[in-house]
Amino acid sequence: MSTDAVVDAPSRTRSRRRAVGPIVERFGLVWALLALIAFFSLWPTTSDSFLTTDNLRTLFANEAVVAIAALGALLPFVAGQFDLTIGAIAMLSSMIVAAIVTETGVPLVAAVPIAVVACAGVGLISGSVVAYLRAPAIVISLGMATLIGGVVLLYSGSRSIIGMPAALTDFGSLTWLGVPRPVWLLLVVVLVVGFVIRYTVTGRSLLMIGSNAEAARLVGVRTRRLILLSFVLAGLFYGVAGVLLLARTGAATPGDGLGLTVGALTAVFLGATTIKPGRFNVPGTIVGVFFVAVSINGLTLAGAADWVDPVFTGAAVVVAVAASTMLAQRRSG
């Protein structure tokens, strides 16, 4: 064997590792999700119930709510802003629709747009303070979420509003072509958000702002206006998620939807570790939603204790934030 061949062998090995490394990094969470699905499908404790039609339909329909909320949250995050109003605005949307339909006699087709526009208005208020007063987004959104929670409690008196129209609850529980109706709505939102971020000037400008806001401003990007827009659109999608949550549960209850904040944030940060590591992205966010959902669903079917859900979700948040931050720093470096 020649000396050149001996020297080239380690080089070829390193080259293969360098080629495989990015693939593993980009699709690691996808492979982990597939492994989870295979595990719960074959594990004797869950094999009889995990892949059943009823379980999968319920899983997908429930997670459509989380995914729509997460896609809304993705927009401020792409622009480098942190939003904690996700669950509060979704709860507000549910309450507005329920109150209008049951107490005023306004038809559902009018109540839903009113609620969604009102939620976009909340995003307008938060976004204005963040963009034009340069206030910390995390503080403003936390304060706004607390304020909304108090207003909902004041109005409802801590009581649920029931008696939703059949058209709404049917949308939340029935299927089209064997697929839960909420999933069809999710597909529409995925296409809209994905198109905006990838193919529009607005989306590309938001990405520029998230990468370097000052550099974006210097090249003529209207950073304040676009940050404001990201909060308005986020509020709109949180409102849609709230209406869908009402369709799934059939009642508007104070506190319902607040858990969406953690679930959506977990999905967004997990999404930044896959597909496009170091960047918030639409397909990665969807993978993040279902990675957490499948994990919790499988453990629940296995009879896991109540503490497993919050512990797993909290751990996922910590790991996701740490991993996405590390990847973003490495990418920028």
Protein backbone atom coordinates (compact mmCIF):
# COMPACT_ATOMS: atom_id res chain seq x y z
CA MET A 1 0.00 0.00 0.00
CA SER A 2 1.41 3.38 -0.95
CA THR A 3 2.14 6.11 1.58
CA ASP A 4 -0.40 8.38 -0.14
CA ALA A 5 -3.15 5.82 0.39
CA VAL A 6 -2.29 5.53 4.09
CA VAL A 7 -2.32 9.33 4.47
CA ASP A 8 -5.55 9.72 2.47
CA ALA A 9 -7.52 7.17 4.51
CA PRO A 10 -7.91 9.37 7.64
CA SER A 11 -8.72 12.32 5.38
CA ARG A 12 -11.51 10.38 3.70
CA THR A 13 -12.85 9.33 7.11
CA ARG A 14 -12.89 12.93 8.29
CA SER A 15 -14.60 14.00 5.08
CA ARG A 16 -17.33 11.41 5.55
CA ARG A 17 -17.86 12.57 9.13
CA ARG A 18 -18.09 16.17 7.98
CA ALA A 19 -20.64 15.14 5.36
CA VAL A 20 -22.75 13.08 7.78
CA GLY A 21 -22.58 15.59 10.64
CA PRO A 22 -24.79 18.29 9.07
CA ILE A 23 -27.37 15.69 8.03
CA VAL A 24 -27.62 14.34 11.57
CA GLU A 25 -27.83 17.89 12.92
CA ARG A 26 -30.53 18.95 10.45
CA PHE A 27 -32.77 15.93 10.80
CA GLY A 28 -31.93 14.59 14.27
CA LEU A 29 -35.29 15.62 15.75
CA VAL A 30 -37.12 14.13 12.77
CA TRP A 31 -35.40 10.78 13.31
CA ALA A 32 -36.14 11.03 17.02
CA LEU A 33 -39.84 11.58 16.25
CA LEU A 34 -39.93 8.58 13.93
CA ALA A 35 -38.16 6.49 16.56
CA LEU A 36 -40.76 7.50 19.15
CA ILE A 37 -43.60 6.55 16.82
CA ALA A 38 -41.98 3.17 16.16
CA PHE A 39 -41.33 2.59 19.86
CA PHE A 40 -44.89 3.31 21.03
CA SER A 41 -46.26 1.31 18.10
CA LEU A 42 -44.24 -1.77 19.08
CA TRP A 43 -44.07 -1.46 22.87
CA PRO A 44 -46.53 -4.05 24.23
CA THR A 45 -47.94 -1.57 26.76
CA THR A 46 -49.07 0.89 24.07
CA SER A 47 -49.08 -1.11 20.84
CA ASP A 48 -52.80 -1.86 21.02
CA SER A 49 -53.86 1.77 21.49
CA PHE A 50 -51.23 4.10 20.03
CA LEU A 51 -51.83 3.55 16.30
CA THR A 52 -55.60 3.29 16.53
CA THR A 53 -57.65 5.63 14.35
CA ASP A 54 -59.35 7.24 17.34
CA ASN A 55 -56.08 8.00 19.12
CA LEU A 56 -54.39 9.43 16.04
CA ARG A 57 -57.38 11.59 15.13
CA THR A 58 -57.56 12.95 18.66
CA LEU A 59 -53.82 13.56 18.75
CA PHE A 60 -53.75 15.43 15.44
CA ALA A 61 -56.89 17.45 16.17
CA ASN A 62 -55.62 18.56 19.60
CA GLU A 63 -52.17 19.42 18.35
CA ALA A 64 -53.59 21.48 15.48
CA VAL A 65 -54.47 24.07 18.12
CA VAL A 66 -50.94 24.08 19.54
CA ALA A 67 -49.37 24.14 16.09
CA ILE A 68 -51.40 27.15 14.90
CA ALA A 69 -50.48 29.03 18.08
CA ALA A 70 -46.81 28.07 17.61
CA LEU A 71 -46.82 29.28 14.00
CA GLY A 72 -48.20 32.59 15.20
CA ALA A 73 -45.46 32.86 17.82
CA LEU A 74 -42.90 32.05 15.14
CA LEU A 75 -43.36 35.44 13.48
CA PRO A 76 -42.12 37.64 16.38
CA PHE A 77 -39.36 35.13 17.07
CA VAL A 78 -38.16 35.35 13.47
CA ALA A 79 -37.86 39.11 14.05
CA GLY A 80 -35.87 38.54 17.23
CA GLN A 81 -38.73 39.26 19.65
CA PHE A 82 -40.08 37.17 22.53
CA ASP A 83 -43.86 36.84 22.94
CA LEU A 84 -45.61 35.38 25.98
CA THR A 85 -49.19 36.39 25.15
CA ILE A 86 -49.91 33.17 23.23
CA GLY A 87 -52.21 31.38 25.65
CA ALA A 88 -53.79 34.53 27.06
CA ILE A 89 -54.85 35.82 23.64
CA ALA A 90 -56.16 32.37 22.67
CA MET A 91 -58.22 32.32 25.87
CA LEU A 92 -59.50 35.82 25.11
CA SER A 93 -60.54 34.73 21.64
CA SER A 94 -62.50 31.78 23.01
CA MET A 95 -64.25 34.00 25.52
CA ILE A 96 -65.15 36.66 22.96
CA VAL A 97 -66.71 34.15 20.56
CA ALA A 98 -68.58 32.36 23.34
CA ALA A 99 -69.88 35.60 24.86
CA ILE A 100 -70.99 37.09 21.55
CA VAL A 101 -72.74 33.94 20.36
CA THR A 102 -74.54 33.12 23.61
CA GLU A 103 -75.36 36.58 24.93
CA THR A 104 -75.95 38.83 21.92
CA GLY A 105 -77.39 36.53 19.31
CA VAL A 106 -74.77 37.54 16.75
CA PRO A 107 -74.21 34.62 14.34
CA LEU A 108 -71.06 32.56 14.51
CA VAL A 109 -69.84 33.72 11.09
CA ALA A 110 -69.65 37.27 12.47
CA ALA A 111 -68.46 36.40 15.98
CA VAL A 112 -65.33 34.58 14.81
CA PRO A 113 -63.93 37.47 12.71
CA ILE A 114 -64.71 39.92 15.52
CA ALA A 115 -62.72 37.82 17.97
CA VAL A 116 -59.78 37.31 15.62
CA VAL A 117 -59.59 41.02 14.79
CA ALA A 118 -59.75 41.88 18.50
CA CYS A 119 -56.82 39.53 19.11
CA ALA A 120 -54.87 41.17 16.31
CA GLY A 121 -55.64 44.46 18.09
CA VAL A 122 -54.02 43.14 21.25
CA GLY A 123 -50.96 42.29 19.16
CA LEU A 124 -51.08 45.83 17.79
CA ILE A 125 -50.89 47.29 21.29
CA SER A 126 -48.03 45.02 22.40
CA GLY A 127 -46.17 45.47 19.13
CA SER A 128 -46.48 49.26 19.24
CA VAL A 129 -44.93 49.43 22.69
CA VAL A 130 -42.14 47.04 21.75
CA ALA A 131 -41.38 48.51 18.33
CA TYR A 132 -41.76 52.25 18.90
CA LEU A 133 -40.95 52.62 22.59
CA ARG A 134 -38.20 49.98 22.39
CA ALA A 135 -39.52 48.25 25.50
CA PRO A 136 -38.36 44.68 26.23
CA ALA A 137 -40.75 42.34 24.45
CA ILE A 138 -40.63 39.67 27.14
CA VAL A 139 -41.71 42.16 29.84
CA ILE A 140 -44.45 43.78 27.76
CA SER A 141 -45.88 40.46 26.60
CA LEU A 142 -45.81 39.05 30.13
CA GLY A 143 -47.63 42.12 31.44
CA MET A 144 -50.18 41.95 28.61
CA ALA A 145 -50.81 38.24 29.23
CA THR A 146 -51.41 38.95 32.93
CA LEU A 147 -53.72 41.84 32.09
CA ILE A 148 -55.77 39.72 29.68
CA GLY A 149 -56.09 36.96 32.27
CA GLY A 150 -57.44 39.44 34.80
CA VAL A 151 -59.93 40.93 32.34
CA VAL A 152 -61.24 37.47 31.42
CA LEU A 153 -61.70 36.58 35.09
CA LEU A 154 -63.48 39.90 35.73
CA TYR A 155 -65.90 39.36 32.87
CA SER A 156 -66.59 35.67 33.39
CA GLY A 157 -66.61 35.59 37.17
CA SER A 158 -64.51 32.44 36.87
CA ARG A 159 -67.46 30.65 35.23
CA SER A 160 -67.44 28.74 31.95
CA ILE A 161 -69.59 29.80 29.01
CA ILE A 162 -71.37 26.85 27.44
CA GLY A 163 -73.95 26.31 24.72
CA MET A 164 -71.80 26.64 21.61
CA PRO A 165 -73.45 26.27 18.18
CA ALA A 166 -73.31 22.82 16.64
CA ALA A 167 -71.55 24.24 13.57
CA LEU A 168 -68.58 25.21 15.75
CA THR A 169 -68.32 22.01 17.77
CA ASP A 170 -68.81 19.91 14.65
CA PHE A 171 -65.83 21.63 13.06
CA GLY A 172 -63.74 20.74 16.09
CA SER A 173 -64.81 17.11 16.28
CA LEU A 174 -65.72 15.84 12.81
CA THR A 175 -63.57 14.93 9.81
CA TRP A 176 -63.23 15.69 6.11
CA LEU A 177 -62.01 12.78 3.97
CA GLY A 178 -61.14 10.92 7.15
CA VAL A 179 -58.87 13.75 8.39
CA PRO A 180 -59.91 15.87 11.41
CA ARG A 181 -61.17 19.27 10.27
CA PRO A 182 -58.75 21.17 12.55
CA VAL A 183 -55.87 19.54 10.64
CA TRP A 184 -57.14 21.03 7.37
CA LEU A 185 -57.12 24.45 9.01
CA LEU A 186 -53.59 23.80 10.25
CA LEU A 187 -52.46 22.96 6.70
CA VAL A 188 -53.81 26.31 5.49
CA VAL A 189 -51.96 28.17 8.26
CA VAL A 190 -48.73 26.25 7.52
CA LEU A 191 -48.92 27.26 3.86
CA VAL A 192 -49.69 30.89 4.66
CA VAL A 193 -46.95 31.35 7.27
CA GLY A 194 -44.42 29.38 5.23
CA PHE A 195 -45.16 31.44 2.13
CA VAL A 196 -44.92 34.74 4.02
CA ILE A 197 -41.58 33.90 5.63
CA ARG A 198 -39.90 32.34 2.61
CA TYR A 199 -41.32 34.04 -0.46
CA THR A 200 -42.33 37.58 0.50
CA VAL A 201 -40.28 40.71 1.03
CA THR A 202 -41.88 41.05 4.46
CA GLY A 203 -40.76 37.58 5.50
CA ARG A 204 -37.21 38.04 4.26
CA SER A 205 -37.05 41.41 6.01
CA LEU A 206 -38.20 39.82 9.27
CA LEU A 207 -35.39 37.29 8.93
CA MET A 208 -32.91 40.12 8.38
CA ILE A 209 -34.18 41.91 11.48
CA GLY A 210 -33.86 38.74 13.54
CA SER A 211 -30.29 38.20 12.33
CA ASN A 212 -29.12 41.80 12.82
CA ALA A 213 -31.70 44.53 13.41
CA GLU A 214 -29.21 47.39 13.12
CA ALA A 215 -27.80 46.12 9.83
CA ALA A 216 -31.33 45.68 8.51
CA ARG A 217 -32.16 49.26 9.46
CA LEU A 218 -29.05 50.58 7.75
CA VAL A 219 -30.01 48.95 4.44
CA GLY A 220 -33.44 50.52 4.50
CA VAL A 221 -35.62 47.90 6.20
CA ARG A 222 -38.39 49.51 8.23
CA THR A 223 -37.63 47.54 11.33
CA ARG A 224 -40.15 49.14 13.68
CA ARG A 225 -43.06 48.74 11.30
CA LEU A 226 -42.22 45.11 10.59
CA ILE A 227 -41.76 44.21 14.26
CA LEU A 228 -45.18 45.74 14.89
CA LEU A 229 -46.62 43.72 12.00
CA SER A 230 -45.16 40.49 13.40
CA PHE A 231 -47.03 41.03 16.68
CA VAL A 232 -50.28 41.87 14.89
CA LEU A 233 -50.09 38.72 12.77
CA ALA A 234 -49.13 36.66 15.81
CA GLY A 235 -52.17 37.95 17.69
CA LEU A 236 -54.35 37.07 14.72
CA PHE A 237 -53.11 33.46 14.66
CA TYR A 238 -53.44 33.16 18.44
CA GLY A 239 -57.05 34.24 17.95
CA VAL A 240 -57.57 31.52 15.35
CA ALA A 241 -56.06 28.98 17.75
CA GLY A 242 -58.45 30.18 20.47
CA VAL A 243 -61.48 29.71 18.24
CA LEU A 244 -60.29 26.23 17.34
CA LEU A 245 -59.75 25.45 21.03
CA LEU A 246 -63.36 26.49 21.69
CA ALA A 247 -64.49 24.24 18.85
CA ARG A 248 -62.61 21.32 20.39
CA THR A 249 -63.79 21.79 23.99
CA GLY A 250 -67.29 23.17 23.38
CA ALA A 251 -66.99 25.67 26.24
CA ALA A 252 -64.99 28.80 27.07
CA THR A 253 -63.39 28.43 30.49
CA PRO A 254 -61.11 30.97 32.20
CA GLY A 255 -57.65 29.44 32.17
CA ASP A 256 -58.27 27.33 29.09
CA GLY A 257 -55.56 27.99 26.57
CA LEU A 258 -52.96 29.29 29.01
CA GLY A 259 -51.07 26.02 28.61
CA LEU A 260 -50.67 26.85 24.92
CA THR A 261 -47.88 29.27 25.80
CA VAL A 262 -45.49 26.59 27.04
CA GLY A 263 -46.46 24.15 24.30
CA ALA A 264 -46.05 26.69 21.52
CA LEU A 265 -42.74 28.03 22.84
CA THR A 266 -41.39 24.50 23.22
CA ALA A 267 -42.30 23.74 19.62
CA VAL A 268 -40.75 26.95 18.31
CA PHE A 269 -37.44 26.40 20.09
CA LEU A 270 -37.33 22.70 19.26
CA GLY A 271 -38.01 23.67 15.66
CA ALA A 272 -34.91 25.85 15.68
CA THR A 273 -32.79 22.74 16.29
CA THR A 274 -33.93 20.89 13.16
CA ILE A 275 -34.41 21.32 9.39
CA LYS A 276 -32.61 24.70 9.55
CA PRO A 277 -30.58 24.50 12.77
CA GLY A 278 -30.11 27.86 14.44
CA ARG A 279 -33.09 29.40 12.65
CA PHE A 280 -36.75 29.52 13.60
CA ASN A 281 -38.60 27.80 10.76
CA VAL A 282 -42.04 26.45 9.88
CA PRO A 283 -41.34 22.74 9.22
CA GLY A 284 -39.12 22.49 12.27
CA THR A 285 -41.86 24.01 14.43
CA ILE A 286 -44.36 21.40 13.23
CA VAL A 287 -41.87 18.63 13.98
CA GLY A 288 -41.39 20.14 17.45
CA VAL A 289 -45.14 20.16 18.11
CA PHE A 290 -45.56 16.51 17.28
CA PHE A 291 -42.34 15.39 18.98
CA VAL A 292 -43.69 16.62 22.30
CA ALA A 293 -47.24 15.46 21.52
CA VAL A 294 -46.25 11.92 20.59
CA SER A 295 -44.00 11.64 23.64
CA ILE A 296 -46.71 12.72 26.07
CA ASN A 297 -49.45 10.75 24.30
CA GLY A 298 -47.42 7.56 24.39
CA LEU A 299 -46.49 7.99 28.04
CA THR A 300 -50.11 8.74 28.94
CA LEU A 301 -51.30 5.59 27.19
CA ALA A 302 -48.66 3.69 29.15
CA GLY A 303 -50.24 4.93 32.38
CA ALA A 304 -47.60 7.50 33.36
CA ALA A 305 -48.28 9.59 36.45
CA ASP A 306 -49.69 13.12 36.21
CA TRP A 307 -46.32 14.73 36.96
CA VAL A 308 -44.74 13.26 33.82
CA ASP A 309 -46.43 15.74 31.44
CA PRO A 310 -45.18 18.97 33.08
CA VAL A 311 -41.76 17.51 33.85
CA PHE A 312 -41.27 16.32 30.28
CA THR A 313 -42.54 19.58 28.76
CA GLY A 314 -40.42 21.71 31.10
CA ALA A 315 -37.33 19.67 30.34
CA ALA A 316 -38.05 19.95 26.62
CA VAL A 317 -38.24 23.75 26.94
CA VAL A 318 -34.88 23.94 28.71
CA VAL A 319 -33.16 21.60 26.27
CA ALA A 320 -34.73 23.26 23.24
CA VAL A 321 -33.77 26.79 24.28
CA ALA A 322 -30.23 25.74 25.13
CA ALA A 323 -29.78 23.80 21.89
CA SER A 324 -31.31 26.44 19.62
CA THR A 325 -29.24 29.18 21.27
CA MET A 326 -26.05 27.16 20.85
CA LEU A 327 -26.82 26.46 17.19
CA ALA A 328 -27.66 30.10 16.51
CA GLN A 329 -24.39 31.25 18.11
CA ARG A 330 -22.39 28.71 16.13
CA ARG A 331 -24.15 29.70 12.93
CA SER A 332 -23.52 33.41 13.49
CA GLY A 333 -19.93 32.67 14.45
